[in-house]
Amino acid sequence: MDPDLSDQIHISDVVVSTAGHDKGSLFYVIATDEGFLYLANGKDRSLDKPKRKRARHVQKVLRSETRVAQKILRGDKVLNSELRRDLAFHAGQMQANNLGG
């Protein structure tokens, strides 16, 4: 694994999967562990059953500064519905930027 990659991705970042059956899906990073990330999107990967994925199989989309990201960083209770809503907003923003540019 590239050591620089793990330094770039932090808890509460929004990432997109680049490999596997969930390729193209957005996730929040909720935990890290020696080359692995634990990802949740609130739908098929809830907070209580996060996806364990190698860091090299995701790409950082942005460092989120939303209320949900702040709650994840603080360790506060986050609802799956909050994750879904926030990731849907990010997906809409990304699509608008791609279509507008």
Protein backbone atom coordinates (compact mmCIF):
# COMPACT_ATOMS: atom_id res chain seq x y z
CA MET A 1 0.00 0.00 0.00
CA ASP A 2 1.16 3.51 -0.75
CA PRO A 3 1.84 5.16 2.64
CA ASP A 4 0.92 8.58 1.25
CA LEU A 5 -2.59 7.36 0.42
CA SER A 6 -3.45 6.50 4.00
CA ASP A 7 -2.22 9.93 5.09
CA GLN A 8 -4.59 11.63 2.66
CA ILE A 9 -7.81 9.91 3.72
CA HIS A 10 -9.13 10.69 7.20
CA ILE A 11 -12.20 9.94 9.25
CA SER A 12 -15.22 11.95 8.01
CA ASP A 13 -13.88 12.26 4.43
CA VAL A 14 -16.20 11.44 1.57
CA VAL A 15 -14.75 8.81 -0.76
CA VAL A 16 -15.88 7.02 -3.92
CA SER A 17 -15.30 3.30 -4.39
CA THR A 18 -13.03 2.52 -7.34
CA ALA A 19 -13.23 -1.29 -7.17
CA GLY A 20 -15.73 -3.99 -6.37
CA HIS A 21 -19.49 -4.31 -6.82
CA ASP A 22 -19.99 -0.93 -5.14
CA LYS A 23 -17.76 0.86 -7.68
CA GLY A 24 -18.85 4.48 -8.10
CA SER A 25 -20.70 4.66 -4.78
CA LEU A 26 -20.08 7.45 -2.28
CA PHE A 27 -19.26 6.65 1.33
CA TYR A 28 -18.24 8.40 4.53
CA VAL A 29 -15.07 7.12 6.19
CA ILE A 30 -16.10 6.33 9.75
CA ALA A 31 -12.94 4.55 10.94
CA THR A 32 -9.46 3.53 9.77
CA ASP A 33 -7.25 0.57 10.62
CA GLU A 34 -3.80 -0.16 9.10
CA GLY A 35 -4.52 0.12 5.39
CA PHE A 36 -8.25 -0.47 5.73
CA LEU A 37 -11.09 2.00 5.84
CA TYR A 38 -14.52 1.41 7.33
CA LEU A 39 -17.14 2.97 5.09
CA ALA A 40 -20.82 3.72 5.57
CA ASN A 41 -23.46 5.28 3.35
CA GLY A 42 -26.53 4.76 5.53
CA LYS A 43 -28.28 2.55 2.99
CA ASP A 44 -26.71 -0.81 2.17
CA ARG A 45 -23.78 -0.08 4.49
CA SER A 46 -25.13 1.24 7.76
CA LEU A 47 -23.13 2.66 10.64
CA ASP A 48 -23.45 -0.54 12.65
CA LYS A 49 -22.23 -2.71 9.71
CA PRO A 50 -19.65 -0.63 7.80
CA LYS A 51 -17.86 -1.88 4.70
CA ARG A 52 -14.21 -2.80 5.32
CA LYS A 53 -12.26 -1.77 2.23
CA ARG A 54 -8.60 -1.30 1.39
CA ALA A 55 -7.57 2.33 1.11
CA ARG A 56 -6.19 1.78 -2.39
CA HIS A 57 -9.67 0.82 -3.61
CA VAL A 58 -11.20 4.22 -2.90
CA GLN A 59 -10.57 7.75 -4.06
CA LYS A 60 -11.05 10.78 -1.86
CA VAL A 61 -13.74 13.07 -3.20
CA LEU A 62 -13.62 15.84 -0.63
CA ARG A 63 -12.92 16.77 2.94
CA SER A 64 -16.45 17.32 4.11
CA GLU A 65 -17.16 20.20 6.45
CA THR A 66 -20.82 19.39 6.98
CA ARG A 67 -22.60 18.90 10.28
CA VAL A 68 -22.59 15.14 9.70
CA ALA A 69 -18.81 15.12 9.21
CA GLN A 70 -18.34 17.10 12.40
CA LYS A 71 -20.53 14.64 14.31
CA ILE A 72 -18.48 11.71 12.98
CA LEU A 73 -15.24 13.40 14.06
CA ARG A 74 -16.57 14.14 17.55
CA GLY A 75 -17.93 10.61 17.94
CA ASP A 76 -21.49 11.87 18.36
CA LYS A 77 -24.49 9.75 17.38
CA VAL A 78 -25.11 9.92 13.64
CA LEU A 79 -28.23 8.50 12.04
CA ASN A 80 -28.14 6.49 8.84
CA SER A 81 -30.73 8.86 7.39
CA GLU A 82 -28.31 11.76 7.96
CA LEU A 83 -25.61 9.92 6.03
CA ARG A 84 -27.97 9.16 3.14
CA ARG A 85 -29.18 12.76 2.93
CA ASP A 86 -25.68 14.21 3.07
CA LEU A 87 -24.23 11.82 0.48
CA ALA A 88 -27.19 12.46 -1.84
CA PHE A 89 -26.44 16.19 -1.59
CA HIS A 90 -22.76 15.57 -2.41
CA ALA A 91 -23.71 13.35 -5.37
CA GLY A 92 -26.02 16.07 -6.68
CA GLN A 93 -23.29 18.69 -6.32
CA MET A 94 -20.79 16.48 -8.16
CA GLN A 95 -23.24 15.81 -10.96
CA ALA A 96 -24.07 19.51 -11.30
CA ASN A 97 -20.37 20.36 -11.48
CA ASN A 98 -19.75 17.71 -14.15
CA LEU A 99 -22.70 18.80 -16.27
CA GLY A 100 -21.97 22.49 -15.91
CA GLY A 101 -18.31 22.31 -16.79
